[in-house]
Structure formats: C-alpha cells, structure tokens
Protein backbone atom coordinates (compact mmCIF):
# COMPACT_ATOMS: atom_id res chain seq x y z
CA MET A 1 -4.63 13.81 3.21
CA PRO A 2 -4.37 16.98 5.31
CA PRO A 3 -4.86 17.11 9.09
CA GLU A 4 -8.46 16.67 10.30
CA SER A 5 -9.25 14.35 7.39
CA ILE A 6 -11.70 11.54 8.12
CA PHE A 7 -11.02 8.42 6.07
CA HIS A 8 -11.76 4.77 5.42
CA PHE A 9 -8.69 2.52 5.21
CA MET A 10 -8.67 -0.88 3.51
CA TRP A 11 -6.01 -3.41 2.56
CA LYS A 12 -6.36 -6.78 0.85
CA CYS A 13 -4.27 -9.95 0.83
CA ILE A 14 -2.31 -10.59 -2.36
CA ASN A 15 -4.42 -12.16 -5.12
CA GLY A 16 -7.38 -12.08 -2.71
CA GLU A 17 -6.00 -15.15 -0.90
CA PHE A 18 -7.68 -16.05 2.41
CA MET A 19 -4.53 -15.76 4.50
CA LEU A 20 -6.40 -14.20 7.44
CA GLN A 21 -9.06 -16.91 7.67
CA PRO A 22 -7.95 -18.66 10.90
CA ALA A 23 -9.12 -16.88 14.05
CA GLU A 24 -5.57 -17.03 15.41
CA VAL A 25 -4.31 -15.00 12.46
CA LYS A 26 -7.00 -12.34 12.86
CA ARG A 27 -6.16 -12.05 16.55
CA ARG A 28 -2.48 -11.73 15.75
CA TYR A 29 -3.16 -9.03 13.16
CA LEU A 30 -5.22 -6.95 15.58
CA ASP A 31 -2.71 -7.47 18.41
CA THR A 32 0.10 -6.28 16.17
CA ARG A 33 -1.85 -3.44 14.61
CA PHE A 34 -2.74 -1.84 17.92
CA ARG A 35 0.57 -2.64 19.59
CA PHE A 36 2.23 -0.43 16.99
CA LEU A 37 -0.35 2.37 17.24
CA LYS A 38 2.10 4.29 19.42
CA ARG A 39 4.12 4.87 16.23
CA ALA A 40 1.39 7.31 15.23
CA ARG A 41 2.19 9.27 18.42
CA GLY A 42 -1.40 10.23 19.07
CA LYS A 43 -1.75 11.74 15.60
CA VAL A 44 -4.32 9.22 14.37
CA ARG A 45 -7.67 8.50 16.01
CA VAL A 46 -9.00 5.08 15.08
CA HIS A 47 -12.78 4.77 15.34
CA SER A 48 -13.60 1.28 14.06
CA PHE A 49 -12.22 -1.88 12.48
CA CYS A 50 -13.30 -5.13 10.89
CA VAL A 51 -10.88 -7.89 9.89
CA MET A 52 -12.16 -10.36 7.32
CA ASP A 53 -10.64 -13.55 5.87
CA ASN A 54 -8.67 -11.76 3.14
CA HIS A 55 -8.84 -8.03 3.95
CA GLY A 56 -9.22 -5.47 6.70
CA HIS A 57 -11.15 -2.23 7.23
CA GLU A 58 -10.61 0.74 9.53
CA CYS A 59 -12.21 4.15 9.92
CA ALA A 60 -10.05 6.89 11.40
CA THR A 61 -9.30 10.60 11.61
CA LEU A 62 -5.94 12.27 11.06
CA ILE A 63 -4.94 14.71 13.77
CA ALA A 64 -1.73 15.73 12.01
CA GLY A 65 -0.07 14.88 8.69
CA SER A 66 -0.61 11.56 6.94
CA GLU A 67 3.01 10.51 7.50
CA HIS A 68 1.96 9.32 10.98
CA MET A 69 -0.59 6.94 9.47
CA SER A 70 2.03 5.76 6.97
CA ASN A 71 4.62 5.09 9.67
CA TRP A 72 2.14 3.16 11.80
CA THR A 73 0.92 1.06 8.88
CA ARG A 74 4.41 0.34 7.58
CA SER A 75 5.71 -0.87 10.95
CA SER A 76 2.65 -2.88 12.02
CA HIS A 77 2.14 -4.54 8.64
CA SER A 78 5.83 -5.39 8.29
CA SER A 79 5.85 -7.11 11.68
CA PHE A 80 2.63 -8.99 11.00
CA CYS A 81 3.69 -10.09 7.51
CA ARG A 82 6.99 -11.51 8.81
CA TRP A 83 5.06 -13.53 11.39
CA LEU A 84 2.50 -14.75 8.84
CA ASN A 85 5.14 -15.78 6.31
CA ILE A 86 6.89 -17.86 8.95
CA ARG A 87 3.58 -19.45 9.92
CA LEU A 88 2.70 -20.27 6.29
CA LYS A 89 6.27 -21.19 5.32
CA ARG A 90 6.21 -18.77 2.42
CA ARG A 91 8.07 -15.72 1.15
CA GLY A 92 6.97 -12.54 -0.54
CA PRO A 93 4.37 -9.86 0.07
CA VAL A 94 1.18 -10.51 2.00
CA ALA A 95 -0.67 -7.34 1.03
CA GLN A 96 -1.79 -6.63 -2.51
CA ASP A 97 -0.52 -3.18 -3.54
CA ARG A 98 -0.70 -0.29 -1.10
CA PRO A 99 -3.65 0.15 1.27
CA ASN A 100 -6.46 2.27 -0.12
CA THR A 101 -7.49 5.36 1.85
CA VAL A 102 -10.74 7.06 0.90
CA ALA A 103 -11.54 10.53 2.25
CA VAL A 104 -14.87 10.73 4.11
CA GLU A 105 -16.77 14.00 3.99
CA ASP A 106 -18.28 14.34 7.46
CA GLN A 107 -19.63 12.60 10.55
CA GLU A 108 -22.63 11.20 8.67
CA GLY A 109 -20.27 9.69 6.11
CA LEU A 110 -18.16 8.25 8.92
CA LYS A 111 -21.28 6.73 10.47
CA ARG A 112 -22.22 5.02 7.22
CA ALA A 113 -18.66 3.78 6.63
CA MET A 114 -18.52 2.29 10.14
CA PHE A 115 -21.82 0.49 9.59
CA TYR A 116 -20.44 -0.78 6.28
CA GLY A 117 -17.60 -2.46 8.18
CA ASP A 118 -19.98 -3.88 10.79
CA TRP A 119 -22.09 -5.63 8.14
CA ASN A 120 -19.20 -7.01 6.09
CA PRO A 121 -19.24 -10.47 7.78
CA VAL A 122 -23.00 -10.72 7.21
CA ARG A 123 -22.75 -9.86 3.51
CA VAL A 124 -20.34 -12.73 2.89
CA GLY A 125 -22.32 -15.24 4.97
CA ILE A 126 -19.99 -15.63 7.97
CA CYS A 127 -22.73 -14.71 10.46
CA SER A 128 -26.32 -13.50 10.50
CA HIS A 129 -25.76 -10.26 12.47
CA PRO A 130 -22.75 -8.00 13.23
CA SER A 131 -23.09 -8.70 16.96
CA GLU A 132 -22.01 -12.31 16.33
CA TYR A 133 -18.65 -11.41 14.79
CA PRO A 134 -15.71 -11.12 17.22
CA PHE A 135 -13.21 -9.36 14.94
CA SER A 136 -14.93 -6.02 14.50
CA SER A 137 -15.63 -3.04 16.74
CA HIS A 138 -19.42 -3.48 16.61
CA ARG A 139 -19.84 -4.79 20.15
CA LEU A 140 -18.01 -1.81 21.65
CA TYR A 141 -20.55 0.61 20.20
CA ALA A 142 -23.60 -1.64 20.46
CA PHE A 143 -23.03 -3.08 23.96
CA GLY A 144 -20.09 -1.20 25.51
CA GLU A 145 -17.82 -4.26 25.47
CA VAL A 146 -14.16 -3.26 25.72
CA ASN A 147 -11.36 -5.68 24.76
CA PRO A 148 -7.61 -5.24 24.15
CA TRP A 149 -8.35 -3.95 20.61
CA THR A 150 -11.36 -1.71 21.13
CA ALA A 151 -9.63 -0.13 24.13
CA HIS A 152 -7.53 1.80 21.61
CA LEU A 153 -10.50 3.28 19.73
CA THR A 154 -11.74 6.87 19.94
CA LEU A 155 -15.51 7.33 20.00
CA PRO A 156 -16.47 9.60 17.08
CA GLN A 157 -18.51 12.75 17.56
CA TRP A 158 -21.59 11.38 15.79
CA TYR A 159 -21.72 8.55 18.32
CA LEU A 160 -21.33 10.86 21.32
CA ASP A 161 -24.18 12.97 19.96
CA LEU A 162 -26.57 9.99 20.03
CA GLY A 163 -27.32 10.41 23.74
CA ASP A 164 -26.19 11.59 27.15
CA THR A 165 -25.43 8.17 28.61
CA PRO A 166 -23.60 5.09 27.31
CA GLU A 167 -26.82 3.09 27.47
CA GLU A 168 -28.68 5.61 25.30
CA ARG A 169 -25.89 5.71 22.75
CA GLN A 170 -25.61 1.92 22.59
CA ALA A 171 -29.35 1.44 22.08
CA LEU A 172 -29.47 4.01 19.28
CA TYR A 173 -26.35 2.58 17.67
CA ARG A 174 -27.99 -0.84 17.50
CA GLU A 175 -31.17 0.71 16.08
CA HIS A 176 -29.38 2.86 13.47
CA CYS A 177 -26.97 0.10 12.44
CA ASP A 178 -29.85 -2.26 11.67
CA GLN A 179 -31.94 0.46 10.04
CA TYR A 180 -29.18 1.63 7.70
CA TYR A 181 -28.65 -1.94 6.53
CA ARG A 182 -32.35 -2.69 6.20
CA ASP A 183 -33.06 0.56 4.30
CA GLU A 184 -29.99 0.13 2.07
CA LEU A 185 -28.38 3.35 3.31
CA LEU A 186 -24.91 1.85 3.52
CA PRO A 187 -22.32 2.94 0.95
CA THR A 188 -21.41 0.64 -1.90
CA ALA A 189 -18.13 -1.26 -2.01
CA ASP A 190 -16.89 1.01 -4.79
CA GLU A 191 -17.55 4.12 -2.71
CA VAL A 192 -15.60 3.08 0.37
CA GLU A 193 -13.01 0.70 -1.08
CA THR A 194 -11.83 1.90 -4.49
CA GLY A 195 -12.65 5.59 -4.85
CA CYS A 196 -10.75 8.59 -3.52
CA ALA A 197 -13.66 10.23 -1.65
CA PHE A 198 -16.97 9.27 -0.09
CA GLY A 199 -19.86 11.56 0.79
CA SER A 200 -22.21 13.88 -1.04
CA PRO A 201 -21.96 14.07 -4.86
CA LYS A 202 -20.56 17.61 -4.54
CA PHE A 203 -17.79 16.53 -2.16
CA THR A 204 -16.87 13.46 -4.19
CA GLU A 205 -16.87 15.30 -7.51
CA HIS A 206 -14.74 18.13 -6.15
CA ARG A 207 -12.16 15.77 -4.68
CA GLU A 208 -11.90 13.56 -7.76
CA LYS A 209 -11.70 16.48 -10.19
CA PHE A 210 -9.07 18.27 -8.13
CA LEU A 211 -6.87 15.19 -7.70
CA ARG A 212 -7.11 14.32 -11.41
CA GLY A 213 -5.83 17.80 -12.20
CA ALA A 214 -3.00 17.44 -9.70
CA MET A 215 -1.95 14.09 -11.16
CA ALA A 216 -1.96 15.56 -14.67
CA ARG A 217 0.48 18.24 -13.51
CA ILE A 218 2.73 15.58 -12.01
CA ARG A 219 2.75 13.55 -15.22
CA ASP A 220 3.47 16.62 -17.34
CA GLY A 221 6.24 17.74 -15.03
CA ARG A 222 4.81 21.27 -14.96
CA ILE A 223 5.29 21.64 -11.19
CA PRO A 224 7.95 19.98 -8.98
CA ARG A 225 6.41 17.17 -6.97
CA LYS A 226 7.21 18.64 -3.54
CA THR A 227 5.78 22.02 -4.54
CA LEU A 228 2.64 20.39 -5.88
CA ASP A 229 2.24 18.26 -2.75
CA ARG A 230 2.31 21.36 -0.56
CA TRP A 231 -0.22 23.11 -2.80
CA VAL A 232 -2.56 20.07 -2.83
CA LEU A 233 -2.46 19.71 0.96
CA SER A 234 -3.08 23.44 1.43
CA HIS A 235 -6.11 23.35 -0.87
CA LEU A 236 -7.59 20.19 0.62
CA ALA A 237 -7.02 21.49 4.15
CA ARG A 238 -9.21 24.52 3.37
CA HIS A 239 -11.85 22.21 1.91
CA VAL A 240 -11.76 19.91 4.96
CA ARG A 241 -12.28 22.88 7.27
CA SER A 242 -15.10 24.25 5.12
CA THR A 243 -17.01 20.94 5.25
CA ARG A 244 -16.33 20.05 8.85
CA PRO A 245 -19.54 20.32 10.90
CA GLU A 246 -19.72 22.15 14.19
CA SER A 247 -19.82 19.68 17.07
CA ARG A 248 -20.13 19.81 20.81
CA PRO A 249 -17.23 18.62 23.01
CA PRO A 250 -17.41 15.09 24.43
CA PRO A 251 -19.37 14.86 27.72
C-alpha cells in the first residue's frame, strides 16, 4: 500500500481457536499493541479497533510506506505471542497466516468499516449493543471516553466533519452507527476481511484487476520483483490521490 492509503487490518488466531477469549488476554493484547506503536514512528494513524475472542480488527491510515505498519505489527505480535504461549503452556504460532489488509476507498468507506468493527460483538451474541463492549473503540467516539488504548487513536476526518463540538460529533456518531446497522449499510465480512479493496464497485474492480495483473507478471518472471513493486506503488499512489476527497483541517 502506498502512503495515504486507508485500510482495514484483521488477523485471526490459528485454526480459529478462541485464544483471546479471557478479558485478561484481550487487555494484554491491546496493552502490547499500543505500547509498540512507537515502532511505526508516527507513520501510521490508527482510527479504531475491536478485539474479539479469536481475531482482531483495526482501521488505520498510512502516512508513509507500509514497512512502518509491518514493523509495528511484527514487533507487537511477536511480544504478545510469546506471552500468550507461556500463559497457555504451548508452542508454535498464534496467528493464522499473515494479517489481511484491505484498502479502503475514502472517508465514507472508513466510516462503514469502523461501524463494522463496532457491531462485531453484537453479531456474535456477546452483547446487545456496541456500547456494552469494553474492547473496542466505540465508546471513545460515542461518549468521548478515553482509556490507555483509545488515547493512541487519531480521529478520522469524517468524524471531525460531523459537528463543531465533541458533543455534536458524539451524538451523531451514535445515531449513524445505529442507523447503518439497522439499515444494513455495513460492509459484508467478505468485503472488509478477505478482499483486497473495499469501496465503490469502480474502486474495488480497478484495484483487484490491477493487482491480478501485477501478480501474473511476478509469476511469469517478466519483471524483477523490486522493479514491479516500485511500479505498483507508483500507480496505486496516483490512484489514492485521485480518489482522496478534499477535507477541511481539524478544528
């Protein structure tokens, strides 16, 4: 992903096992995750999170190259997995495969992806409303509650545009979050968890078609990998800039 990319990040425990189920483990994961955020050196803005019993979600924006996100994830997950293996008296990987990062088209797509994370605990029957779940960022946006995890989050532009005061933004966040769920405006699991892009059909089709072509060139060996990587990033960077909406500065 090139700089300025908005994305949804998800990882899952190996074999779908419920290793994160105890509240203590979720707290430890979030403590570790945000303790290592300095490894990204201010190059990643995290907007939201939700940690479930066997997987985790985040929405974020890259400020610089994706290597900063990779370094942060590698260090925080390695530390957490060592701790969890000791706790469970086991060996081997905790995460199943590599985390999945799905490009998000714009601020509206980011809004929908954040609401998707908020409603995850409700969909699986853990609680009846996102406000009841302590391991997501919902209460920061809905009620202004700051804790050691949400203190590291960056408010996205779409949220700042909701109103001129925190109270206005919180009230509209609560209204929109419920409305999007009630009116079935949230993305599907396939869109935000397994694809390569999420947004309008035009954006998604362009991204998927382009990346399929790039992968074909890698398999055929027609272009050296490093050369192709630079070309892909250059092309996607132009596309990110062309789809990025104009926005006012934060108040």
